Amino acid sequence: MSFHNDEDWGFYIETPPSLKNSATYNSPCEILNNSPLNLPTYNAPEKLTNPIIVRPDGEAPTDPTEIESRAVNVLNLPKIYDQSNIQEIVNPQSIINTFDYEEDQLHIEFFDIRHAIAFRQFYNNLKFNGQTIEVKFSVPRPVTGSQHPINNGTIVLFHLPPSITNPTLSQYFSQYGEIRQIRGTPQKPTQRFIEYWDTRGSEAAVHAMNGVLMSGSKISIEFSVPGGMRRKAFK
């Protein structure tokens, strides 16, 4: 892996993610066969692309106040949908962490945020049995009884050597999953945040790297909830 000599994050990290140069879908009638959920999964050797969906009537409108999330709510589903046939929408299940269906609302949490973005773009404002469904980003639900932050794909590293660079951290931590962003603050040179596209990458990094020595410093790692997501969760 090669990096610039300086700390030019824009060279290898882009946030928010670019949705250009990716797979396109020209017909919403191909929902089951050509759904964006058929993108490569975390375990596939191919890198997951940042999807953009081309709809016959133009791009579905987006709410600028929404915060991208791995969780989505599917609203206004026809009454014919229940637990027995909801798999038409949440298939393949290998890319889905959890889903819950109550009445006409479906809550889905994806491992990889790009699958959530693709799902929202593809399904929002599509008609199911003559009924227009709505897909909105949501807040991942906390684990019952847990006092720790949920795994939302971002980890925070403490007690780092002050001189360590982001490219060096990327070399250590990219082996556990594809990194979306590495960030920090000048006021806290021994602390850094690493965001993974896929929550399975962040989970693997915590288990493998928590407590290891880096340049003589024993680091500690915890899951971190992005500030915007935290504000929405506690409103």
Protein backbone atom coordinates (compact mmCIF):
# COMPACT_ATOMS: atom_id res chain seq x y z
CA MET A 1 0.00 0.00 0.00
CA SER A 2 1.38 3.39 -0.96
CA PHE A 3 0.63 6.80 0.51
CA HIS A 4 1.58 10.41 -0.02
CA ASN A 5 4.38 11.65 2.17
CA ASP A 6 2.14 14.25 3.74
CA GLU A 7 -1.11 13.85 5.65
CA ASP A 8 -3.32 14.44 2.62
CA TRP A 9 -6.43 12.56 3.71
CA GLY A 10 -8.23 13.49 0.50
CA PHE A 11 -5.81 11.32 -1.46
CA TYR A 12 -7.20 8.07 -0.10
CA ILE A 13 -10.27 8.98 1.94
CA GLU A 14 -13.44 10.66 0.76
CA THR A 15 -16.33 11.65 3.04
CA PRO A 16 -19.14 11.77 2.26
CA PRO A 17 -18.56 8.89 -0.16
CA SER A 18 -18.58 9.52 -3.88
CA LEU A 19 -21.48 7.86 -5.65
CA LYS A 20 -19.90 8.18 -9.10
CA ASN A 21 -18.41 5.55 -11.41
CA SER A 22 -20.47 2.70 -10.05
CA ALA A 23 -23.17 0.21 -10.93
CA THR A 24 -26.40 1.54 -12.39
CA TYR A 25 -29.89 0.08 -12.56
CA ASN A 26 -32.16 1.30 -15.30
CA SER A 27 -35.43 -0.35 -14.35
CA PRO A 28 -37.15 -0.60 -10.97
CA CYS A 29 -38.98 -3.61 -12.42
CA GLU A 30 -35.77 -5.60 -11.90
CA ILE A 31 -36.04 -5.28 -8.13
CA LEU A 32 -35.43 -8.90 -7.25
CA ASN A 33 -32.79 -9.80 -9.85
CA ASN A 34 -30.82 -6.55 -10.09
CA SER A 35 -31.32 -5.06 -6.65
CA PRO A 36 -28.37 -3.09 -5.26
CA LEU A 37 -28.41 -5.66 -2.49
CA ASN A 38 -26.65 -7.95 -4.96
CA LEU A 39 -23.48 -5.90 -4.59
CA PRO A 40 -20.44 -7.87 -3.37
CA THR A 41 -20.51 -8.58 0.35
CA TYR A 42 -17.87 -7.98 3.00
CA ASN A 43 -16.38 -11.43 2.46
CA ALA A 44 -16.12 -11.13 -1.32
CA PRO A 45 -12.68 -10.48 -2.84
CA GLU A 46 -14.00 -7.58 -4.93
CA LYS A 47 -14.20 -4.15 -3.35
CA LEU A 48 -17.72 -2.88 -2.75
CA THR A 49 -18.55 -0.02 -5.11
CA ASN A 50 -20.27 3.21 -4.14
CA PRO A 51 -23.60 2.77 -5.94
CA ILE A 52 -25.77 5.23 -7.81
CA ILE A 53 -29.17 4.20 -9.04
CA VAL A 54 -30.63 5.59 -12.27
CA ARG A 55 -34.42 5.63 -12.14
CA PRO A 56 -36.76 5.99 -15.15
CA ASP A 57 -38.35 9.11 -13.66
CA GLY A 58 -35.10 10.63 -12.40
CA GLU A 59 -33.34 10.38 -9.07
CA ALA A 60 -35.54 9.99 -6.01
CA PRO A 61 -35.57 13.18 -3.95
CA THR A 62 -33.45 13.14 -0.80
CA ASP A 63 -33.94 14.94 2.48
CA PRO A 64 -30.88 17.19 3.12
CA THR A 65 -31.47 16.92 6.87
CA GLU A 66 -31.09 13.14 6.85
CA ILE A 67 -27.87 11.64 8.18
CA GLU A 68 -26.52 8.65 6.27
CA SER A 69 -26.84 5.54 8.39
CA ARG A 70 -26.59 1.76 8.18
CA ALA A 71 -30.19 1.62 9.38
CA VAL A 72 -33.23 2.39 7.25
CA ASN A 73 -36.97 2.40 7.84
CA VAL A 74 -39.25 1.24 5.03
CA LEU A 75 -42.65 2.90 5.44
CA ASN A 76 -46.07 2.46 3.86
CA LEU A 77 -45.63 -1.17 2.85
CA PRO A 78 -48.75 -2.83 1.45
CA LYS A 79 -50.68 -4.89 3.96
CA ILE A 80 -49.92 -8.08 2.03
CA TYR A 81 -46.33 -7.93 3.27
CA ASP A 82 -45.67 -9.92 6.40
CA GLN A 83 -42.84 -12.01 7.87
CA SER A 84 -43.46 -14.76 5.31
CA ASN A 85 -42.83 -12.68 2.19
CA ILE A 86 -40.78 -9.74 3.50
CA GLN A 87 -37.66 -11.55 2.32
CA GLU A 88 -38.43 -10.26 -1.17
CA ILE A 89 -37.07 -6.94 0.10
CA VAL A 90 -34.35 -8.01 2.56
CA ASN A 91 -32.70 -10.62 0.35
CA PRO A 92 -29.83 -11.57 0.41
CA GLN A 93 -29.73 -11.69 4.19
CA SER A 94 -25.94 -12.14 4.31
CA ILE A 95 -25.49 -8.36 4.06
CA ILE A 96 -28.10 -7.54 6.70
CA ASN A 97 -27.28 -7.38 10.39
CA THR A 98 -30.85 -7.29 11.70
CA PHE A 99 -34.36 -6.53 10.47
CA ASP A 100 -37.69 -6.15 12.20
CA TYR A 101 -41.16 -5.87 10.71
CA GLU A 102 -44.19 -4.42 12.48
CA GLU A 103 -47.46 -3.71 10.67
CA ASP A 104 -46.54 -1.61 7.60
CA GLN A 105 -43.04 -0.58 8.70
CA LEU A 106 -39.76 -2.44 8.17
CA HIS A 107 -36.55 -1.58 10.05
CA ILE A 108 -33.33 -2.86 8.45
CA GLU A 109 -29.76 -2.54 9.70
CA PHE A 110 -27.01 -3.30 7.18
CA PHE A 111 -23.42 -4.24 7.96
CA ASP A 112 -22.07 -1.92 5.25
CA ILE A 113 -23.35 1.65 5.00
CA ARG A 114 -23.04 1.52 1.20
CA HIS A 115 -25.72 -1.15 1.07
CA ALA A 116 -28.02 1.13 3.09
CA ILE A 117 -27.33 4.03 0.72
CA ALA A 118 -27.99 1.82 -2.31
CA PHE A 119 -31.14 0.39 -0.77
CA ARG A 120 -32.55 3.85 -0.05
CA GLN A 121 -31.76 5.16 -3.52
CA PHE A 122 -33.24 2.15 -5.25
CA TYR A 123 -36.42 1.54 -3.26
CA ASN A 124 -37.48 5.02 -2.12
CA ASN A 125 -40.70 6.07 -3.91
CA LEU A 126 -41.06 2.76 -5.74
CA LYS A 127 -44.51 1.21 -5.96
CA PHE A 128 -45.27 -2.15 -4.40
CA ASN A 129 -48.67 -3.50 -5.44
CA GLY A 130 -49.72 0.02 -6.42
CA GLN A 131 -48.60 1.55 -3.12
CA THR A 132 -45.66 3.97 -3.00
CA ILE A 133 -43.18 3.07 -0.28
CA GLU A 134 -40.89 5.51 1.52
CA VAL A 135 -37.37 4.71 2.71
CA LYS A 136 -35.66 6.90 5.30
CA PHE A 137 -32.36 6.63 7.13
CA SER A 138 -32.86 5.69 10.76
CA VAL A 139 -30.85 5.27 13.96
CA PRO A 140 -29.45 1.79 14.73
CA ARG A 141 -31.23 0.36 17.72
CA PRO A 142 -29.20 -0.10 20.91
CA VAL A 143 -28.52 -3.59 22.23
CA THR A 144 -30.87 -4.33 25.11
CA GLY A 145 -29.10 -4.15 28.46
CA SER A 146 -25.80 -2.94 27.02
CA GLN A 147 -24.10 0.08 28.61
CA HIS A 148 -21.53 0.36 25.83
CA PRO A 149 -21.82 2.31 22.55
CA ILE A 150 -23.22 0.33 19.66
CA ASN A 151 -20.92 -0.70 16.86
CA ASN A 152 -21.71 1.89 14.22
CA GLY A 153 -18.55 1.28 12.22
CA THR A 154 -16.40 3.90 13.98
CA ILE A 155 -13.75 3.12 16.59
CA VAL A 156 -11.80 5.54 18.74
CA LEU A 157 -8.15 4.88 19.57
CA PHE A 158 -6.65 6.16 22.84
CA HIS A 159 -3.03 6.48 24.06
CA LEU A 160 -1.51 6.52 20.58
CA PRO A 161 2.10 7.65 20.09
CA PRO A 162 1.74 11.38 19.26
CA SER A 163 3.97 11.03 16.21
CA ILE A 164 1.99 8.26 14.53
CA THR A 165 0.58 9.18 11.11
CA ASN A 166 -2.76 8.36 9.52
CA PRO A 167 -1.15 6.37 6.68
CA THR A 168 0.61 4.23 9.29
CA LEU A 169 -2.67 3.64 11.11
CA SER A 170 -4.29 2.73 7.81
CA GLN A 171 -1.62 0.10 7.19
CA TYR A 172 -2.33 -1.46 10.58
CA PHE A 173 -6.12 -1.28 10.54
CA SER A 174 -7.06 -1.74 6.87
CA GLN A 175 -6.33 -5.47 7.20
CA TYR A 176 -9.60 -5.79 9.16
CA GLY A 177 -11.82 -4.03 6.62
CA GLU A 178 -12.08 -1.19 4.13
CA ILE A 179 -11.60 2.17 5.86
CA ARG A 180 -13.88 5.06 5.02
CA GLN A 181 -12.13 7.77 7.03
CA ILE A 182 -9.42 8.43 9.62
CA ARG A 183 -9.75 11.63 11.58
CA GLY A 184 -8.46 13.34 14.71
CA THR A 185 -8.08 16.72 16.37
CA PRO A 186 -4.88 18.76 16.92
CA GLN A 187 -5.81 19.13 20.60
CA LYS A 188 -5.68 15.35 21.12
CA PRO A 189 -2.68 13.97 19.20
CA THR A 190 -2.86 10.65 21.10
CA GLN A 191 -6.46 10.01 20.02
CA ARG A 192 -7.78 9.09 16.58
CA PHE A 193 -11.06 7.94 15.03
CA ILE A 194 -11.23 5.25 12.35
CA GLU A 195 -14.46 4.70 10.46
CA TYR A 196 -15.05 1.48 8.53
CA TRP A 197 -17.57 1.05 5.76
CA ASP A 198 -18.60 -2.28 7.29
CA THR A 199 -19.27 -2.83 11.00
CA ARG A 200 -17.68 -6.27 10.82
CA GLY A 201 -14.39 -4.53 10.07
CA SER A 202 -14.63 -2.29 13.13
CA GLU A 203 -15.58 -5.23 15.32
CA ALA A 204 -12.61 -7.27 14.09
CA ALA A 205 -10.27 -4.32 14.70
CA VAL A 206 -11.43 -3.86 18.30
CA HIS A 207 -10.95 -7.54 19.11
CA ALA A 208 -7.55 -7.77 17.42
CA MET A 209 -5.93 -4.43 18.29
CA ASN A 210 -7.26 -3.39 21.70
CA GLY A 211 -4.39 -3.42 24.18
CA VAL A 212 -1.57 -3.90 21.68
CA LEU A 213 1.70 -1.96 21.81
CA MET A 214 2.37 0.60 19.10
CA SER A 215 5.80 2.26 19.27
CA GLY A 216 5.94 1.52 22.98
CA SER A 217 2.42 2.80 23.77
CA LYS A 218 -0.34 0.41 24.84
CA ILE A 219 -3.43 1.57 22.96
CA SER A 220 -7.05 1.09 23.96
CA ILE A 221 -9.95 0.98 21.52
CA GLU A 222 -13.69 1.50 21.91
CA PHE A 223 -16.65 1.84 19.60
CA SER A 224 -17.64 5.45 18.96
CA VAL A 225 -20.97 6.90 17.90
CA PRO A 226 -20.77 9.83 15.42
CA GLY A 227 -21.94 13.11 16.92
CA GLY A 228 -24.80 13.62 14.48
CA MET A 229 -26.08 10.11 15.08
CA ARG A 230 -25.81 10.61 18.84
CA ARG A 231 -27.92 13.79 18.64
CA LYS A 232 -30.62 11.98 16.68
CA ALA A 233 -30.57 9.03 19.07
CA PHE A 234 -31.13 11.14 22.15
CA LYS A 235 -33.73 13.58 20.79
